[in-house]
Amino acid sequence: MRRMAKPVPRLTPAQIERVIATAWNDRPPFNAVLMEHGLTEGPLVQLLKRALTPNAFKVWTARTRAR
């Protein structure tokens, strides 16, 4: 049985900006985003994939893997 990813909660543009800023600035990003915004890794990745440009998402992904 396949588990479906949790849907990304509806956030205001201001909330999305804060989530993106937290994800870019923190090490590791998932802990801070979870504590501050209640998003786990899956929904965070979905949100960033949707909100960032493809190149910015690629850079963010590379930064996260390097940690």
N, C-alpha and C. Protein backbone atom coordinates (compact mmCIF):
# COMPACT_ATOMS: atom_id res chain seq x y z
N MET A 1 0.84 -1.18 0.00
CA MET A 1 0.00 0.00 0.00
C MET A 1 0.89 1.25 0.00
N ARG A 2 0.66 2.11 -0.94
CA ARG A 2 1.43 3.36 -1.03
C ARG A 2 0.82 4.40 -0.12
N ARG A 3 1.70 5.07 0.60
CA ARG A 3 1.23 6.17 1.44
C ARG A 3 1.31 7.45 0.64
N MET A 4 0.28 8.22 0.70
CA MET A 4 0.27 9.50 -0.01
C MET A 4 0.91 10.56 0.88
N ALA A 5 1.61 11.46 0.25
CA ALA A 5 2.24 12.56 0.99
C ALA A 5 1.16 13.46 1.58
N LYS A 6 1.48 13.99 2.73
CA LYS A 6 0.56 14.95 3.34
C LYS A 6 0.46 16.17 2.45
N PRO A 7 -0.74 16.68 2.24
CA PRO A 7 -0.85 17.88 1.41
C PRO A 7 -0.22 19.09 2.11
N VAL A 8 0.30 19.98 1.32
CA VAL A 8 0.87 21.21 1.86
C VAL A 8 -0.28 22.08 2.34
N PRO A 9 -0.21 22.55 3.59
CA PRO A 9 -1.30 23.40 4.08
C PRO A 9 -1.35 24.71 3.31
N ARG A 10 -2.52 25.27 3.26
CA ARG A 10 -2.67 26.57 2.59
C ARG A 10 -2.03 27.64 3.46
N LEU A 11 -1.10 28.35 2.86
CA LEU A 11 -0.39 29.39 3.59
C LEU A 11 -0.55 30.70 2.84
N THR A 12 -0.49 31.78 3.58
CA THR A 12 -0.53 33.10 2.95
C THR A 12 0.83 33.35 2.29
N PRO A 13 0.89 34.29 1.35
CA PRO A 13 2.19 34.61 0.76
C PRO A 13 3.25 35.01 1.80
N ALA A 14 2.84 35.71 2.84
CA ALA A 14 3.78 36.11 3.89
C ALA A 14 4.30 34.88 4.64
N GLN A 15 3.44 33.93 4.92
CA GLN A 15 3.86 32.70 5.59
C GLN A 15 4.82 31.90 4.71
N ILE A 16 4.53 31.84 3.43
CA ILE A 16 5.40 31.13 2.49
C ILE A 16 6.77 31.77 2.47
N GLU A 17 6.83 33.09 2.46
CA GLU A 17 8.12 33.80 2.48
C GLU A 17 8.91 33.46 3.75
N ARG A 18 8.23 33.38 4.89
CA ARG A 18 8.91 33.05 6.14
C ARG A 18 9.43 31.61 6.13
N VAL A 19 8.64 30.69 5.56
CA VAL A 19 9.08 29.29 5.47
C VAL A 19 10.31 29.19 4.58
N ILE A 20 10.28 29.88 3.43
CA ILE A 20 11.43 29.86 2.51
C ILE A 20 12.66 30.44 3.19
N ALA A 21 12.50 31.56 3.88
CA ALA A 21 13.63 32.18 4.56
C ALA A 21 14.21 31.24 5.62
N THR A 22 13.35 30.55 6.35
CA THR A 22 13.82 29.61 7.37
C THR A 22 14.56 28.45 6.72
N ALA A 23 14.02 27.93 5.63
CA ALA A 23 14.64 26.79 4.95
C ALA A 23 16.00 27.16 4.37
N TRP A 24 16.15 28.39 3.89
CA TRP A 24 17.44 28.80 3.31
C TRP A 24 18.48 29.10 4.38
N ASN A 25 18.05 29.58 5.55
CA ASN A 25 19.01 30.07 6.53
C ASN A 25 19.45 29.06 7.58
N ASP A 26 18.69 28.01 7.82
CA ASP A 26 18.98 27.15 8.96
C ASP A 26 19.74 25.90 8.57
N ARG A 27 20.46 25.33 9.55
CA ARG A 27 21.15 24.05 9.38
C ARG A 27 20.79 23.13 10.50
N PRO A 28 20.25 21.99 10.31
CA PRO A 28 19.55 21.53 9.12
C PRO A 28 18.19 22.22 9.02
N PRO A 29 17.70 22.45 7.83
CA PRO A 29 16.49 23.26 7.69
C PRO A 29 15.22 22.58 8.20
N PHE A 30 15.16 21.26 8.13
CA PHE A 30 13.89 20.60 8.44
C PHE A 30 13.48 20.77 9.90
N ASN A 31 14.44 20.73 10.80
CA ASN A 31 14.10 20.89 12.22
C ASN A 31 13.53 22.27 12.51
N ALA A 32 14.15 23.29 12.00
CA ALA A 32 13.68 24.65 12.28
C ALA A 32 12.32 24.90 11.63
N VAL A 33 12.13 24.42 10.42
CA VAL A 33 10.85 24.63 9.74
C VAL A 33 9.74 23.89 10.48
N LEU A 34 10.04 22.67 10.94
CA LEU A 34 9.03 21.92 11.69
C LEU A 34 8.67 22.65 12.98
N MET A 35 9.67 23.11 13.71
CA MET A 35 9.41 23.78 14.98
C MET A 35 8.69 25.11 14.78
N GLU A 36 9.08 25.85 13.77
CA GLU A 36 8.54 27.19 13.59
C GLU A 36 7.23 27.21 12.82
N HIS A 37 7.09 26.34 11.82
CA HIS A 37 5.95 26.43 10.92
C HIS A 37 5.09 25.16 10.88
N GLY A 38 5.53 24.08 11.53
CA GLY A 38 4.74 22.86 11.56
C GLY A 38 4.80 22.03 10.29
N LEU A 39 5.77 22.29 9.42
CA LEU A 39 5.89 21.54 8.17
C LEU A 39 6.98 20.48 8.32
N THR A 40 6.68 19.26 7.93
CA THR A 40 7.68 18.21 7.93
C THR A 40 8.42 18.25 6.59
N GLU A 41 9.36 17.34 6.40
CA GLU A 41 10.23 17.37 5.22
C GLU A 41 9.45 17.27 3.91
N GLY A 42 8.50 16.35 3.81
CA GLY A 42 7.75 16.16 2.56
C GLY A 42 6.98 17.40 2.13
N PRO A 43 6.12 17.93 3.00
CA PRO A 43 5.39 19.14 2.63
C PRO A 43 6.31 20.34 2.38
N LEU A 44 7.43 20.42 3.12
CA LEU A 44 8.37 21.52 2.89
C LEU A 44 8.96 21.44 1.48
N VAL A 45 9.37 20.24 1.08
CA VAL A 45 9.93 20.07 -0.26
C VAL A 45 8.88 20.40 -1.32
N GLN A 46 7.65 19.95 -1.12
CA GLN A 46 6.58 20.27 -2.07
C GLN A 46 6.36 21.78 -2.17
N LEU A 47 6.35 22.44 -1.02
CA LEU A 47 6.14 23.89 -0.99
C LEU A 47 7.26 24.62 -1.72
N LEU A 48 8.51 24.24 -1.42
CA LEU A 48 9.63 24.91 -2.06
C LEU A 48 9.68 24.63 -3.55
N LYS A 49 9.34 23.42 -3.95
CA LYS A 49 9.33 23.08 -5.37
C LYS A 49 8.32 23.95 -6.12
N ARG A 50 7.19 24.21 -5.46
CA ARG A 50 6.13 25.02 -6.07
C ARG A 50 6.46 26.52 -6.03
N ALA A 51 7.11 26.97 -4.94
CA ALA A 51 7.30 28.42 -4.73
C ALA A 51 8.59 28.96 -5.33
N LEU A 52 9.63 28.12 -5.43
CA LEU A 52 10.92 28.61 -5.93
C LEU A 52 11.03 28.39 -7.43
N THR A 53 11.95 29.10 -8.03
CA THR A 53 12.25 28.83 -9.44
C THR A 53 12.95 27.48 -9.52
N PRO A 54 12.93 26.82 -10.67
CA PRO A 54 13.60 25.52 -10.77
C PRO A 54 15.08 25.57 -10.38
N ASN A 55 15.77 26.63 -10.77
CA ASN A 55 17.18 26.75 -10.43
C ASN A 55 17.38 26.95 -8.93
N ALA A 56 16.56 27.79 -8.32
CA ALA A 56 16.68 28.02 -6.87
C ALA A 56 16.37 26.73 -6.10
N PHE A 57 15.39 25.96 -6.55
CA PHE A 57 15.07 24.70 -5.89
C PHE A 57 16.23 23.73 -6.02
N LYS A 58 16.86 23.70 -7.17
CA LYS A 58 18.01 22.82 -7.40
C LYS A 58 19.16 23.21 -6.46
N VAL A 59 19.42 24.49 -6.31
CA VAL A 59 20.48 24.97 -5.41
C VAL A 59 20.13 24.61 -3.96
N TRP A 60 18.89 24.82 -3.56
CA TRP A 60 18.48 24.49 -2.20
C TRP A 60 18.65 22.99 -1.93
N THR A 61 18.23 22.17 -2.90
CA THR A 61 18.36 20.72 -2.75
C THR A 61 19.83 20.32 -2.59
N ALA A 62 20.70 20.91 -3.40
CA ALA A 62 22.13 20.59 -3.30
C ALA A 62 22.69 21.00 -1.94
N ARG A 63 22.27 22.17 -1.44
CA ARG A 63 22.72 22.63 -0.12
C ARG A 63 22.26 21.69 0.97
N THR A 64 21.03 21.18 0.86
CA THR A 64 20.49 20.30 1.89
C THR A 64 21.20 18.96 1.89
N ARG A 65 21.53 18.45 0.73
CA ARG A 65 22.25 17.18 0.66
C ARG A 65 23.66 17.30 1.18
N ALA A 66 24.27 18.46 1.02
CA ALA A 66 25.66 18.66 1.45
C ALA A 66 25.78 18.70 2.97
N ARG A 67 24.71 18.90 3.67
CA ARG A 67 24.76 19.01 5.14
C ARG A 67 24.83 17.67 5.78
